Amino acid sequence: MYRRVLETTPGDVVLRSNLGLSLVLDGQPREGANLLLDVANGPSAPPQARQNLALAYGVLGNDEAAGCILSIDLPKGSVNDDLRYSSAVRDLLAKQPPAEKLPLRGPAATDMRISPTE
């Protein structure tokens, strides 16, 4: 869905940041991080884009980079909280089976699946 909307508004940094976050949470943290890196380094990057990028790095296991990015906008206590959250998300995603292996319920289940990246 985000990709379709971005076709009409390709410069929307909030939509691009949301797409990057969706990719991270959909088990595609490297792709999400690559997109978020472009967004977070832009001149009009909102703090949320940097925080989403930090989450992506945290999910990828790069806590040092995540902490550096978070410290741009957040106090140390909040940085530590966010790093713990990234670790919990990383652990949760590691336990999840890939989306294509999830059990389907009913014959139309595959038709109803919508990827956040469409």
C-alpha atoms as a PDB file:
ATOM      1  CA  MET A   1       0.000   0.000   0.000  1.00  0.00           C
ATOM      2  CA  TYR A   2       2.776   2.465   0.906  1.00  0.00           C
ATOM      3  CA  ARG A   3       4.540   1.815  -2.393  1.00  0.00           C
ATOM      4  CA  ARG A   4       1.366   2.590  -4.355  1.00  0.00           C
ATOM      5  CA  VAL A   5       0.826   5.864  -2.529  1.00  0.00           C
ATOM      6  CA  LEU A   6       4.498   6.765  -2.937  1.00  0.00           C
ATOM      7  CA  GLU A   7       4.086   6.485  -6.705  1.00  0.00           C
ATOM      8  CA  THR A   8       2.011   9.673  -6.543  1.00  0.00           C
ATOM      9  CA  THR A   9       4.002  11.373  -3.759  1.00  0.00           C
ATOM     10  CA  PRO A  10       7.563  10.004  -3.988  1.00  0.00           C
ATOM     11  CA  GLY A  11       9.069  12.745  -1.853  1.00  0.00           C
ATOM     12  CA  ASP A  12       6.855  12.161   1.183  1.00  0.00           C
ATOM     13  CA  VAL A  13       9.389  11.430   3.924  1.00  0.00           C
ATOM     14  CA  VAL A  14       6.741  10.363   6.442  1.00  0.00           C
ATOM     15  CA  LEU A  15       5.314   7.742   4.061  1.00  0.00           C
ATOM     16  CA  ARG A  16       8.808   6.526   3.179  1.00  0.00           C
ATOM     17  CA  SER A  17       9.675   6.297   6.873  1.00  0.00           C
ATOM     18  CA  ASN A  18       6.489   4.347   7.547  1.00  0.00           C
ATOM     19  CA  LEU A  19       7.286   1.983   4.679  1.00  0.00           C
ATOM     20  CA  GLY A  20      10.769   1.425   6.079  1.00  0.00           C
ATOM     21  CA  LEU A  21       9.358   0.671   9.519  1.00  0.00           C
ATOM     22  CA  SER A  22       6.792  -1.695   7.997  1.00  0.00           C
ATOM     23  CA  LEU A  23       9.563  -3.554   6.196  1.00  0.00           C
ATOM     24  CA  VAL A  24      11.528  -3.908   9.430  1.00  0.00           C
ATOM     25  CA  LEU A  25       8.521  -5.238  11.326  1.00  0.00           C
ATOM     26  CA  ASP A  26       7.629  -7.517   8.403  1.00  0.00           C
ATOM     27  CA  GLY A  27      10.934  -9.338   8.824  1.00  0.00           C
ATOM     28  CA  GLN A  28      12.855  -7.413   6.158  1.00  0.00           C
ATOM     29  CA  PRO A  29      15.087  -5.253   8.362  1.00  0.00           C
ATOM     30  CA  ARG A  30      17.920  -4.848   5.852  1.00  0.00           C
ATOM     31  CA  GLU A  31      15.589  -3.537   3.138  1.00  0.00           C
ATOM     32  CA  GLY A  32      13.872  -1.303   5.686  1.00  0.00           C
ATOM     33  CA  ALA A  33      17.203   0.020   6.961  1.00  0.00           C
ATOM     34  CA  ASN A  34      18.343   0.842   3.428  1.00  0.00           C
ATOM     35  CA  LEU A  35      15.187   2.850   2.763  1.00  0.00           C
ATOM     36  CA  LEU A  36      15.309   4.525   6.172  1.00  0.00           C
ATOM     37  CA  LEU A  37      18.957   5.456   5.708  1.00  0.00           C
ATOM     38  CA  ASP A  38      18.008   7.506   2.645  1.00  0.00           C
ATOM     39  CA  VAL A  39      15.107   9.135   4.488  1.00  0.00           C
ATOM     40  CA  ALA A  40      16.991   9.841   7.732  1.00  0.00           C
ATOM     41  CA  ASN A  41      19.904  11.444   5.890  1.00  0.00           C
ATOM     42  CA  GLY A  42      17.652  13.838   3.977  1.00  0.00           C
ATOM     43  CA  PRO A  43      17.516  17.539   4.817  1.00  0.00           C
ATOM     44  CA  SER A  44      13.865  17.355   5.902  1.00  0.00           C
ATOM     45  CA  ALA A  45      14.181  14.136   7.904  1.00  0.00           C
ATOM     46  CA  PRO A  46      11.831  14.054  10.884  1.00  0.00           C
ATOM     47  CA  PRO A  47      13.119  12.609  14.180  1.00  0.00           C
ATOM     48  CA  GLN A  48      10.783   9.632  13.703  1.00  0.00           C
ATOM     49  CA  ALA A  49      12.716   8.612  10.584  1.00  0.00           C
ATOM     50  CA  ARG A  50      15.947   8.502  12.613  1.00  0.00           C
ATOM     51  CA  GLN A  51      14.223   6.534  15.375  1.00  0.00           C
ATOM     52  CA  ASN A  52      12.843   4.069  12.829  1.00  0.00           C
ATOM     53  CA  LEU A  53      16.340   3.701  11.362  1.00  0.00           C
ATOM     54  CA  ALA A  54      17.710   3.067  14.846  1.00  0.00           C
ATOM     55  CA  LEU A  55      15.096   0.344  15.338  1.00  0.00           C
ATOM     56  CA  ALA A  56      16.145  -1.223  12.038  1.00  0.00           C
ATOM     57  CA  TYR A  57      19.784  -1.243  13.111  1.00  0.00           C
ATOM     58  CA  GLY A  58      18.809  -2.648  16.496  1.00  0.00           C
ATOM     59  CA  VAL A  59      16.808  -5.446  14.883  1.00  0.00           C
ATOM     60  CA  LEU A  60      19.842  -6.186  12.712  1.00  0.00           C
ATOM     61  CA  GLY A  61      21.938  -6.426  15.895  1.00  0.00           C
ATOM     62  CA  ASN A  62      23.909  -3.206  15.437  1.00  0.00           C
ATOM     63  CA  ASP A  63      23.154  -1.660  18.830  1.00  0.00           C
ATOM     64  CA  GLU A  64      26.119   0.702  18.617  1.00  0.00           C
ATOM     65  CA  ALA A  65      24.814   2.383  15.456  1.00  0.00           C
ATOM     66  CA  ALA A  66      21.273   2.360  16.849  1.00  0.00           C
ATOM     67  CA  GLY A  67      22.427   4.075  20.037  1.00  0.00           C
ATOM     68  CA  CYS A  68      24.361   6.736  18.134  1.00  0.00           C
ATOM     69  CA  ILE A  69      21.326   7.564  16.008  1.00  0.00           C
ATOM     70  CA  LEU A  70      18.943   7.606  18.953  1.00  0.00           C
ATOM     71  CA  SER A  71      21.230   9.926  20.936  1.00  0.00           C
ATOM     72  CA  ILE A  72      20.692  12.640  18.314  1.00  0.00           C
ATOM     73  CA  ASP A  73      17.136  13.221  19.514  1.00  0.00           C
ATOM     74  CA  LEU A  74      16.739  11.432  22.847  1.00  0.00           C
ATOM     75  CA  PRO A  75      18.200  11.579  26.362  1.00  0.00           C
ATOM     76  CA  LYS A  76      20.375   8.661  27.498  1.00  0.00           C
ATOM     77  CA  GLY A  77      17.611   6.982  29.519  1.00  0.00           C
ATOM     78  CA  SER A  78      15.308   6.942  26.506  1.00  0.00           C
ATOM     79  CA  VAL A  79      18.123   5.650  24.290  1.00  0.00           C
ATOM     80  CA  ASN A  80      18.604   2.710  26.649  1.00  0.00           C
ATOM     81  CA  ASP A  81      14.847   2.035  26.705  1.00  0.00           C
ATOM     82  CA  ASP A  82      14.718   2.058  22.903  1.00  0.00           C
ATOM     83  CA  LEU A  83      17.714  -0.287  22.675  1.00  0.00           C
ATOM     84  CA  ARG A  84      15.950  -2.745  24.990  1.00  0.00           C
ATOM     85  CA  TYR A  85      12.855  -2.476  22.801  1.00  0.00           C
ATOM     86  CA  SER A  86      14.918  -3.135  19.652  1.00  0.00           C
ATOM     87  CA  SER A  87      16.379  -6.213  21.298  1.00  0.00           C
ATOM     88  CA  ALA A  88      12.909  -7.487  22.209  1.00  0.00           C
ATOM     89  CA  VAL A  89      11.669  -6.930  18.645  1.00  0.00           C
ATOM     90  CA  ARG A  90      14.767  -8.698  17.275  1.00  0.00           C
ATOM     91  CA  ASP A  91      14.103 -11.701  19.548  1.00  0.00           C
ATOM     92  CA  LEU A  92      10.424 -11.757  18.601  1.00  0.00           C
ATOM     93  CA  LEU A  93      11.134 -11.589  14.863  1.00  0.00           C
ATOM     94  CA  ALA A  94      13.723 -14.357  15.175  1.00  0.00           C
ATOM     95  CA  LYS A  95      11.014 -16.652  16.566  1.00  0.00           C
ATOM     96  CA  GLN A  96       8.501 -15.878  13.810  1.00  0.00           C
ATOM     97  CA  PRO A  97       8.267 -18.177  10.798  1.00  0.00           C
ATOM     98  CA  PRO A  98       8.572 -16.478   7.414  1.00  0.00           C
ATOM     99  CA  ALA A  99       5.222 -15.093   6.223  1.00  0.00           C
ATOM    100  CA  GLU A 100       4.957 -17.573   3.371  1.00  0.00           C
ATOM    101  CA  LYS A 101       5.087 -20.439   5.869  1.00  0.00           C
ATOM    102  CA  LEU A 102       2.331 -19.182   8.145  1.00  0.00           C
ATOM    103  CA  PRO A 103      -0.632 -21.535   8.298  1.00  0.00           C
ATOM    104  CA  LEU A 104      -3.560 -20.330   6.225  1.00  0.00           C
ATOM    105  CA  ARG A 105      -7.164 -20.627   7.269  1.00  0.00           C
ATOM    106  CA  GLY A 106      -9.603 -21.273   4.457  1.00  0.00           C
ATOM    107  CA  PRO A 107      -9.187 -21.300   0.693  1.00  0.00           C
ATOM    108  CA  ALA A 108      -9.373 -17.525   0.266  1.00  0.00           C
ATOM    109  CA  ALA A 109      -6.724 -16.734   2.879  1.00  0.00           C
ATOM    110  CA  THR A 110      -4.002 -16.155   0.303  1.00  0.00           C
ATOM    111  CA  ASP A 111      -6.204 -13.682  -1.560  1.00  0.00           C
ATOM    112  CA  MET A 112      -6.764 -11.673   1.623  1.00  0.00           C
ATOM    113  CA  ARG A 113      -3.102 -11.280   2.547  1.00  0.00           C
ATOM    114  CA  ILE A 114      -1.839  -7.744   2.036  1.00  0.00           C
ATOM    115  CA  SER A 115       1.824  -6.980   2.368  1.00  0.00           C
ATOM    116  CA  PRO A 116       2.759  -3.594   3.866  1.00  0.00           C
ATOM    117  CA  THR A 117       5.151  -3.177   0.960  1.00  0.00           C
ATOM    118  CA  GLU A 118       2.569  -3.376  -1.855  1.00  0.00           C
END
